[in-house]
Amino acid sequence: MSRPAGRGDVHHSTTSHGDHSIAAHDIRNIFIKWVMHPSARWLPLLLACAAVVIAGTDWPDGPARQYTLWGLLTGLSVVTAAARVLDRSPRDARLAGVLSLVSVLATVGGWLAFQSVRTHGEIDVTGQVRAVGSQPLDDAAHRTLTLRLDARALAEPRNALRLTLAIADHDPAGPTCLPDTRATLSLLTAGTADRTADLRPGGTVDFALGARTTTVTIGVRLHTGRGCRMDVRTTGAVLHDR
């Protein structure tokens, strides 16, 4: 037969609850002792500095604006870690714990932001665009130019290319042909146009690239007035993820 619940059962439940309270109190004391240990105050700063050094040795290319979040979090981690080092009050365990926790979390967040830029950030490959063909271009025999990016420029995989071209009069002293000039850009796959876009002088086009692209070939066809001779050069080429 089952024994009815008695006062002993109630006492056992209270004891179990008390055991949990004692364990939580012990963990809290251990955490405070670790936080207030003289050597522990240096750990957040060492972690923050290590993350900065590692990021500096593996710094990707691209505009500075994409590192804003990384910079803010890294600055926060270093400042709070330095404040933790300077805080030598033996009774201020709560402040020391908050500073250490904020510094470590900011370091981790900054590192994740940096890895996101490395994986998906913009890469400036302007200097690696190779032009094939003779210039200046005109409205008759010499209308086309080919722009190429090789495997070295595409070592970091991205799925889009943002391209900016400058088109200028070959003879700056003569009458300008810019108002009547435009270019048709074609992303070539196996020698045929896959995607095309029209571009005015100084304009920008954005081409979607296929997966695991190893080379990019873009055909440029100039449309200009009769007798006009134009120079075309790449002023911006950025690989990025859409």
C-alpha atoms as a PDB file:
ATOM      1  CA  MET A   1       0.000   0.000   0.000  1.00  0.00           C
ATOM      2  CA  SER A   2       1.135   3.479  -0.748  1.00  0.00           C
ATOM      3  CA  ARG A   3       2.247   5.654   2.138  1.00  0.00           C
ATOM      4  CA  PRO A   4       0.430   9.017   2.327  1.00  0.00           C
ATOM      5  CA  ALA A   5       2.479  12.097   2.003  1.00  0.00           C
ATOM      6  CA  GLY A   6       3.620  13.318   5.369  1.00  0.00           C
ATOM      7  CA  ARG A   7       5.685  16.001   6.920  1.00  0.00           C
ATOM      8  CA  GLY A   8       8.830  14.123   6.056  1.00  0.00           C
ATOM      9  CA  ASP A   9       8.159  14.503   2.343  1.00  0.00           C
ATOM     10  CA  VAL A  10       7.677  18.242   2.740  1.00  0.00           C
ATOM     11  CA  HIS A  11      10.947  18.485   4.633  1.00  0.00           C
ATOM     12  CA  HIS A  12      12.752  16.575   1.878  1.00  0.00           C
ATOM     13  CA  SER A  13      11.441  18.996  -0.812  1.00  0.00           C
ATOM     14  CA  THR A  14      12.683  21.986   1.180  1.00  0.00           C
ATOM     15  CA  THR A  15      16.076  20.380   1.635  1.00  0.00           C
ATOM     16  CA  SER A  16      16.403  19.792  -2.122  1.00  0.00           C
ATOM     17  CA  HIS A  17      15.570  23.429  -2.791  1.00  0.00           C
ATOM     18  CA  GLY A  18      18.141  24.431  -0.224  1.00  0.00           C
ATOM     19  CA  ASP A  19      20.786  22.256  -1.891  1.00  0.00           C
ATOM     20  CA  HIS A  20      20.229  24.111  -5.176  1.00  0.00           C
ATOM     21  CA  SER A  21      20.530  27.449  -3.393  1.00  0.00           C
ATOM     22  CA  ILE A  22      23.778  26.372  -1.773  1.00  0.00           C
ATOM     23  CA  ALA A  23      25.179  25.187  -5.119  1.00  0.00           C
ATOM     24  CA  ALA A  24      24.253  28.490  -6.814  1.00  0.00           C
ATOM     25  CA  HIS A  25      25.864  30.388  -3.927  1.00  0.00           C
ATOM     26  CA  ASP A  26      29.057  28.339  -4.265  1.00  0.00           C
ATOM     27  CA  ILE A  27      29.198  28.929  -8.035  1.00  0.00           C
ATOM     28  CA  ARG A  28      28.699  32.660  -7.455  1.00  0.00           C
ATOM     29  CA  ASN A  29      31.562  32.721  -4.939  1.00  0.00           C
ATOM     30  CA  ILE A  30      33.847  30.841  -7.314  1.00  0.00           C
ATOM     31  CA  PHE A  31      33.009  33.287 -10.130  1.00  0.00           C
ATOM     32  CA  ILE A  32      33.697  36.280  -7.889  1.00  0.00           C
ATOM     33  CA  LYS A  33      37.024  34.838  -6.750  1.00  0.00           C
ATOM     34  CA  TRP A  34      38.022  34.216 -10.367  1.00  0.00           C
ATOM     35  CA  VAL A  35      36.954  37.681 -11.508  1.00  0.00           C
ATOM     36  CA  MET A  36      38.793  39.397  -8.672  1.00  0.00           C
ATOM     37  CA  HIS A  37      41.960  37.326  -9.043  1.00  0.00           C
ATOM     38  CA  PRO A  38      44.894  39.618 -10.011  1.00  0.00           C
ATOM     39  CA  SER A  39      45.777  37.631 -13.116  1.00  0.00           C
ATOM     40  CA  ALA A  40      42.156  37.367 -14.330  1.00  0.00           C
ATOM     41  CA  ARG A  41      41.823  41.086 -14.955  1.00  0.00           C
ATOM     42  CA  TRP A  42      44.320  40.826 -17.832  1.00  0.00           C
ATOM     43  CA  LEU A  43      42.535  38.026 -19.695  1.00  0.00           C
ATOM     44  CA  PRO A  44      39.855  40.156 -21.469  1.00  0.00           C
ATOM     45  CA  LEU A  45      42.515  42.625 -22.644  1.00  0.00           C
ATOM     46  CA  LEU A  46      44.773  39.836 -23.896  1.00  0.00           C
ATOM     47  CA  LEU A  47      41.826  38.272 -25.741  1.00  0.00           C
ATOM     48  CA  ALA A  48      40.864  41.606 -27.347  1.00  0.00           C
ATOM     49  CA  CYS A  49      44.448  42.334 -28.416  1.00  0.00           C
ATOM     50  CA  ALA A  50      44.869  38.825 -29.828  1.00  0.00           C
ATOM     51  CA  ALA A  51      41.728  39.262 -31.940  1.00  0.00           C
ATOM     52  CA  VAL A  52      43.051  42.589 -33.302  1.00  0.00           C
ATOM     53  CA  VAL A  53      46.441  41.091 -34.163  1.00  0.00           C
ATOM     54  CA  ILE A  54      44.932  38.074 -35.919  1.00  0.00           C
ATOM     55  CA  ALA A  55      42.566  40.326 -37.887  1.00  0.00           C
ATOM     56  CA  GLY A  56      45.491  42.529 -38.927  1.00  0.00           C
ATOM     57  CA  THR A  57      47.436  39.575 -40.315  1.00  0.00           C
ATOM     58  CA  ASP A  58      44.433  38.372 -42.348  1.00  0.00           C
ATOM     59  CA  TRP A  59      42.947  41.723 -43.392  1.00  0.00           C
ATOM     60  CA  PRO A  60      40.742  41.504 -46.503  1.00  0.00           C
ATOM     61  CA  ASP A  61      40.409  44.262 -49.093  1.00  0.00           C
ATOM     62  CA  GLY A  62      37.445  46.540 -49.650  1.00  0.00           C
ATOM     63  CA  PRO A  63      35.977  49.881 -48.556  1.00  0.00           C
ATOM     64  CA  ALA A  64      36.485  50.981 -44.960  1.00  0.00           C
ATOM     65  CA  ARG A  65      32.741  51.393 -44.325  1.00  0.00           C
ATOM     66  CA  GLN A  66      32.209  47.623 -44.254  1.00  0.00           C
ATOM     67  CA  TYR A  67      34.423  47.387 -41.157  1.00  0.00           C
ATOM     68  CA  THR A  68      32.332  49.832 -39.109  1.00  0.00           C
ATOM     69  CA  LEU A  69      30.664  47.206 -36.922  1.00  0.00           C
ATOM     70  CA  TRP A  70      33.960  45.403 -36.375  1.00  0.00           C
ATOM     71  CA  GLY A  71      35.633  48.663 -35.397  1.00  0.00           C
ATOM     72  CA  LEU A  72      32.915  49.655 -32.941  1.00  0.00           C
ATOM     73  CA  LEU A  73      32.852  46.266 -31.221  1.00  0.00           C
ATOM     74  CA  THR A  74      36.639  46.012 -31.124  1.00  0.00           C
ATOM     75  CA  GLY A  75      36.929  49.493 -29.648  1.00  0.00           C
ATOM     76  CA  LEU A  76      34.348  48.604 -27.010  1.00  0.00           C
ATOM     77  CA  SER A  77      36.180  45.389 -26.124  1.00  0.00           C
ATOM     78  CA  VAL A  78      39.545  47.145 -25.739  1.00  0.00           C
ATOM     79  CA  VAL A  79      38.128  50.057 -23.710  1.00  0.00           C
ATOM     80  CA  THR A  80      36.200  47.857 -21.289  1.00  0.00           C
ATOM     81  CA  ALA A  81      39.137  45.459 -20.968  1.00  0.00           C
ATOM     82  CA  ALA A  82      41.471  48.361 -20.180  1.00  0.00           C
ATOM     83  CA  ALA A  83      38.972  49.677 -17.627  1.00  0.00           C
ATOM     84  CA  ARG A  84      38.926  46.218 -16.031  1.00  0.00           C
ATOM     85  CA  VAL A  85      42.724  46.262 -15.730  1.00  0.00           C
ATOM     86  CA  LEU A  86      42.655  49.708 -14.109  1.00  0.00           C
ATOM     87  CA  ASP A  87      39.896  48.710 -11.671  1.00  0.00           C
ATOM     88  CA  ARG A  88      41.807  47.521  -8.599  1.00  0.00           C
ATOM     89  CA  SER A  89      39.025  47.868  -6.037  1.00  0.00           C
ATOM     90  CA  PRO A  90      38.901  44.592  -4.058  1.00  0.00           C
ATOM     91  CA  ARG A  91      35.212  45.067  -3.179  1.00  0.00           C
ATOM     92  CA  ASP A  92      33.900  46.013  -6.605  1.00  0.00           C
ATOM     93  CA  ALA A  93      33.260  42.478  -7.890  1.00  0.00           C
ATOM     94  CA  ARG A  94      30.067  43.404  -9.723  1.00  0.00           C
ATOM     95  CA  LEU A  95      31.737  46.158 -11.783  1.00  0.00           C
ATOM     96  CA  ALA A  96      34.708  43.913 -12.537  1.00  0.00           C
ATOM     97  CA  GLY A  97      32.406  41.122 -13.695  1.00  0.00           C
ATOM     98  CA  VAL A  98      30.374  43.459 -15.918  1.00  0.00           C
ATOM     99  CA  LEU A  99      33.491  44.936 -17.526  1.00  0.00           C
ATOM    100  CA  SER A 100      34.974  41.488 -18.171  1.00  0.00           C
ATOM    101  CA  LEU A 101      31.720  40.124 -19.579  1.00  0.00           C
ATOM    102  CA  VAL A 102      31.142  43.128 -21.873  1.00  0.00           C
ATOM    103  CA  SER A 103      34.721  42.974 -23.150  1.00  0.00           C
ATOM    104  CA  VAL A 104      34.577  39.261 -23.932  1.00  0.00           C
ATOM    105  CA  LEU A 105      31.173  39.518 -25.632  1.00  0.00           C
ATOM    106  CA  ALA A 106      32.334  42.521 -27.691  1.00  0.00           C
ATOM    107  CA  THR A 107      35.483  40.651 -28.725  1.00  0.00           C
ATOM    108  CA  VAL A 108      33.446  37.656 -29.868  1.00  0.00           C
ATOM    109  CA  GLY A 109      30.949  39.881 -31.686  1.00  0.00           C
ATOM    110  CA  GLY A 110      33.728  41.822 -33.395  1.00  0.00           C
ATOM    111  CA  TRP A 111      35.396  38.618 -34.496  1.00  0.00           C
ATOM    112  CA  LEU A 112      32.142  37.321 -35.998  1.00  0.00           C
ATOM    113  CA  ALA A 113      31.650  40.651 -37.798  1.00  0.00           C
ATOM    114  CA  PHE A 114      35.186  40.439 -39.178  1.00  0.00           C
ATOM    115  CA  GLN A 115      34.636  36.882 -40.416  1.00  0.00           C
ATOM    116  CA  SER A 116      31.432  38.016 -42.137  1.00  0.00           C
ATOM    117  CA  VAL A 117      33.395  40.684 -44.027  1.00  0.00           C
ATOM    118  CA  ARG A 118      36.037  38.136 -45.002  1.00  0.00           C
ATOM    119  CA  THR A 119      33.383  35.801 -46.356  1.00  0.00           C
ATOM    120  CA  HIS A 120      30.893  38.222 -47.926  1.00  0.00           C
ATOM    121  CA  GLY A 121      32.545  41.652 -47.972  1.00  0.00           C
ATOM    122  CA  GLU A 122      33.399  43.719 -51.029  1.00  0.00           C
ATOM    123  CA  ILE A 123      36.747  43.177 -52.782  1.00  0.00           C
ATOM    124  CA  ASP A 124      38.269  45.937 -54.909  1.00  0.00           C
ATOM    125  CA  VAL A 125      39.796  44.403 -58.055  1.00  0.00           C
ATOM    126  CA  THR A 126      40.040  47.576 -60.130  1.00  0.00           C
ATOM    127  CA  GLY A 127      43.769  47.204 -60.639  1.00  0.00           C
ATOM    128  CA  GLN A 128      43.377  43.622 -61.838  1.00  0.00           C
ATOM    129  CA  VAL A 129      41.001  44.306 -64.751  1.00  0.00           C
ATOM    130  CA  ARG A 130      42.920  43.696 -67.960  1.00  0.00           C
ATOM    131  CA  ALA A 131      41.847  45.472 -71.155  1.00  0.00           C
ATOM    132  CA  VAL A 132      42.370  43.589 -74.426  1.00  0.00           C
ATOM    133  CA  GLY A 133      42.106  45.542 -77.679  1.00  0.00           C
ATOM    134  CA  SER A 134      43.414  48.723 -79.253  1.00  0.00           C
ATOM    135  CA  GLN A 135      42.330  52.230 -78.343  1.00  0.00           C
ATOM    136  CA  PRO A 136      40.992  54.814 -79.035  1.00  0.00           C
ATOM    137  CA  LEU A 137      37.601  53.418 -79.976  1.00  0.00           C
ATOM    138  CA  ASP A 138      35.509  55.009 -82.700  1.00  0.00           C
ATOM    139  CA  ASP A 139      32.234  54.570 -84.573  1.00  0.00           C
ATOM    140  CA  ALA A 140      33.739  52.591 -87.432  1.00  0.00           C
ATOM    141  CA  ALA A 141      36.365  49.841 -87.366  1.00  0.00           C
ATOM    142  CA  HIS A 142      37.497  49.970 -83.732  1.00  0.00           C
ATOM    143  CA  ARG A 143      34.331  49.765 -81.691  1.00  0.00           C
ATOM    144  CA  THR A 144      35.006  46.922 -79.287  1.00  0.00           C
ATOM    145  CA  LEU A 145      37.171  46.239 -76.263  1.00  0.00           C
ATOM    146  CA  THR A 146      37.403  43.233 -73.933  1.00  0.00           C
ATOM    147  CA  LEU A 147      37.819  43.411 -70.164  1.00  0.00           C
ATOM    148  CA  ARG A 148      39.037  40.361 -68.279  1.00  0.00           C
ATOM    149  CA  LEU A 149      39.466  39.188 -64.707  1.00  0.00           C
ATOM    150  CA  ASP A 150      41.545  36.065 -64.178  1.00  0.00           C
ATOM    151  CA  ALA A 151      41.477  33.399 -61.485  1.00  0.00           C
ATOM    152  CA  ARG A 152      43.850  35.292 -59.180  1.00  0.00           C
ATOM    153  CA  ALA A 153      41.428  38.214 -58.927  1.00  0.00           C
ATOM    154  CA  LEU A 154      38.560  35.782 -58.292  1.00  0.00           C
ATOM    155  CA  ALA A 155      40.327  33.776 -55.594  1.00  0.00           C
ATOM    156  CA  GLU A 156      37.734  34.889 -53.026  1.00  0.00           C
ATOM    157  CA  PRO A 157      34.318  33.709 -54.295  1.00  0.00           C
ATOM    158  CA  ARG A 158      31.673  36.415 -54.801  1.00  0.00           C
ATOM    159  CA  ASN A 159      28.495  36.256 -56.869  1.00  0.00           C
ATOM    160  CA  ALA A 160      28.436  39.738 -58.442  1.00  0.00           C
ATOM    161  CA  LEU A 161      30.714  42.303 -60.074  1.00  0.00           C
ATOM    162  CA  ARG A 162      30.086  46.050 -59.923  1.00  0.00           C
ATOM    163  CA  LEU A 163      31.924  47.786 -62.777  1.00  0.00           C
ATOM    164  CA  THR A 164      32.432  51.508 -63.454  1.00  0.00           C
ATOM    165  CA  LEU A 165      33.905  52.796 -66.724  1.00  0.00           C
ATOM    166  CA  ALA A 166      35.203  56.224 -67.642  1.00  0.00           C
ATOM    167  CA  ILE A 167      34.699  57.204 -71.291  1.00  0.00           C
ATOM    168  CA  ALA A 168      36.560  60.319 -72.392  1.00  0.00           C
ATOM    169  CA  ASP A 169      37.391  62.161 -75.611  1.00  0.00           C
ATOM    170  CA  HIS A 170      40.669  60.987 -77.051  1.00  0.00           C
ATOM    171  CA  ASP A 171      41.454  64.582 -78.001  1.00  0.00           C
ATOM    172  CA  PRO A 172      40.466  66.817 -75.079  1.00  0.00           C
ATOM    173  CA  ALA A 173      41.187  69.925 -77.164  1.00  0.00           C
ATOM    174  CA  GLY A 174      38.570  69.065 -79.793  1.00  0.00           C
ATOM    175  CA  PRO A 175      34.763  69.163 -79.599  1.00  0.00           C
ATOM    176  CA  THR A 176      33.395  66.770 -77.003  1.00  0.00           C
ATOM    177  CA  CYS A 177      31.521  63.641 -78.081  1.00  0.00           C
ATOM    178  CA  LEU A 178      30.334  62.652 -74.610  1.00  0.00           C
ATOM    179  CA  PRO A 179      26.642  63.596 -75.044  1.00  0.00           C
ATOM    180  CA  ASP A 180      26.325  61.189 -77.999  1.00  0.00           C
ATOM    181  CA  THR A 181      28.398  58.392 -76.484  1.00  0.00           C
ATOM    182  CA  ARG A 182      27.373  55.249 -74.632  1.00  0.00           C
ATOM    183  CA  ALA A 183      28.636  51.691 -74.345  1.00  0.00           C
ATOM    184  CA  THR A 184      27.004  48.274 -74.331  1.00  0.00           C
ATOM    185  CA  LEU A 185      28.622  45.867 -71.894  1.00  0.00           C
ATOM    186  CA  SER A 186      28.137  42.125 -72.326  1.00  0.00           C
ATOM    187  CA  LEU A 187      29.094  39.440 -69.846  1.00  0.00           C
ATOM    188  CA  LEU A 188      30.478  36.737 -72.133  1.00  0.00           C
ATOM    189  CA  THR A 189      30.086  33.034 -71.465  1.00  0.00           C
ATOM    190  CA  ALA A 190      31.755  30.656 -73.934  1.00  0.00           C
ATOM    191  CA  GLY A 191      32.162  33.597 -76.306  1.00  0.00           C
ATOM    192  CA  THR A 192      28.476  34.555 -76.380  1.00  0.00           C
ATOM    193  CA  ALA A 193      26.700  37.359 -74.549  1.00  0.00           C
ATOM    194  CA  ASP A 194      25.033  36.058 -71.405  1.00  0.00           C
ATOM    195  CA  ARG A 195      23.881  39.381 -69.928  1.00  0.00           C
ATOM    196  CA  THR A 196      24.076  42.900 -71.376  1.00  0.00           C
ATOM    197  CA  ALA A 197      23.707  46.422 -70.014  1.00  0.00           C
ATOM    198  CA  ASP A 198      23.979  49.940 -71.452  1.00  0.00           C
ATOM    199  CA  LEU A 199      26.365  52.364 -69.810  1.00  0.00           C
ATOM    200  CA  ARG A 200      26.796  56.119 -70.040  1.00  0.00           C
ATOM    201  CA  PRO A 201      30.244  57.708 -69.439  1.00  0.00           C
ATOM    202  CA  GLY A 202      31.101  57.354 -65.755  1.00  0.00           C
ATOM    203  CA  GLY A 203      28.192  54.979 -65.158  1.00  0.00           C
ATOM    204  CA  THR A 204      28.121  51.716 -63.239  1.00  0.00           C
ATOM    205  CA  VAL A 205      26.717  48.275 -64.062  1.00  0.00           C
ATOM    206  CA  ASP A 206      26.280  45.266 -61.808  1.00  0.00           C
ATOM    207  CA  PHE A 207      26.649  41.775 -63.282  1.00  0.00           C
ATOM    208  CA  ALA A 208      25.580  38.598 -61.503  1.00  0.00           C
ATOM    209  CA  LEU A 209      28.285  35.960 -61.743  1.00  0.00           C
ATOM    210  CA  GLY A 210      27.819  32.221 -61.828  1.00  0.00           C
ATOM    211  CA  ALA A 211      28.827  29.932 -59.005  1.00  0.00           C
ATOM    212  CA  ARG A 212      32.546  29.120 -58.812  1.00  0.00           C
ATOM    213  CA  THR A 213      33.449  31.596 -61.550  1.00  0.00           C
ATOM    214  CA  THR A 214      37.154  31.348 -62.414  1.00  0.00           C
ATOM    215  CA  THR A 215      37.357  33.973 -65.173  1.00  0.00           C
ATOM    216  CA  VAL A 216      35.212  36.950 -66.135  1.00  0.00           C
ATOM    217  CA  THR A 217      35.141  38.307 -69.683  1.00  0.00           C
ATOM    218  CA  ILE A 218      33.187  41.444 -70.522  1.00  0.00           C
ATOM    219  CA  GLY A 219      32.811  42.793 -74.027  1.00  0.00           C
ATOM    220  CA  VAL A 220      32.552  46.567 -74.478  1.00  0.00           C
ATOM    221  CA  ARG A 221      30.968  47.971 -77.639  1.00  0.00           C
ATOM    222  CA  LEU A 222      31.126  51.723 -78.118  1.00  0.00           C
ATOM    223  CA  HIS A 223      28.301  53.752 -79.639  1.00  0.00           C
ATOM    224  CA  THR A 224      29.343  57.296 -80.487  1.00  0.00           C
ATOM    225  CA  GLY A 225      29.007  60.041 -83.078  1.00  0.00           C
ATOM    226  CA  ARG A 226      30.591  59.878 -86.485  1.00  0.00           C
ATOM    227  CA  GLY A 227      34.238  60.816 -86.449  1.00  0.00           C
ATOM    228  CA  CYS A 228      34.482  60.609 -82.664  1.00  0.00           C
ATOM    229  CA  ARG A 229      37.398  58.815 -81.013  1.00  0.00           C
ATOM    230  CA  MET A 230      37.068  57.814 -77.386  1.00  0.00           C
ATOM    231  CA  ASP A 231      39.233  56.316 -74.627  1.00  0.00           C
ATOM    232  CA  VAL A 232      37.729  53.780 -72.212  1.00  0.00           C
ATOM    233  CA  ARG A 233      39.240  52.829 -68.859  1.00  0.00           C
ATOM    234  CA  THR A 234      38.077  51.008 -65.755  1.00  0.00           C
ATOM    235  CA  THR A 235      37.717  53.296 -62.744  1.00  0.00           C
ATOM    236  CA  GLY A 236      36.033  50.797 -60.439  1.00  0.00           C
ATOM    237  CA  ALA A 237      35.636  47.031 -60.224  1.00  0.00           C
ATOM    238  CA  VAL A 238      34.255  45.530 -57.028  1.00  0.00           C
ATOM    239  CA  LEU A 239      33.381  41.909 -56.336  1.00  0.00           C
ATOM    240  CA  HIS A 240      30.568  41.491 -53.832  1.00  0.00           C
ATOM    241  CA  ASP A 241      27.709  39.254 -52.723  1.00  0.00           C
ATOM    242  CA  ARG A 242      24.145  40.230 -53.555  1.00  0.00           C
END
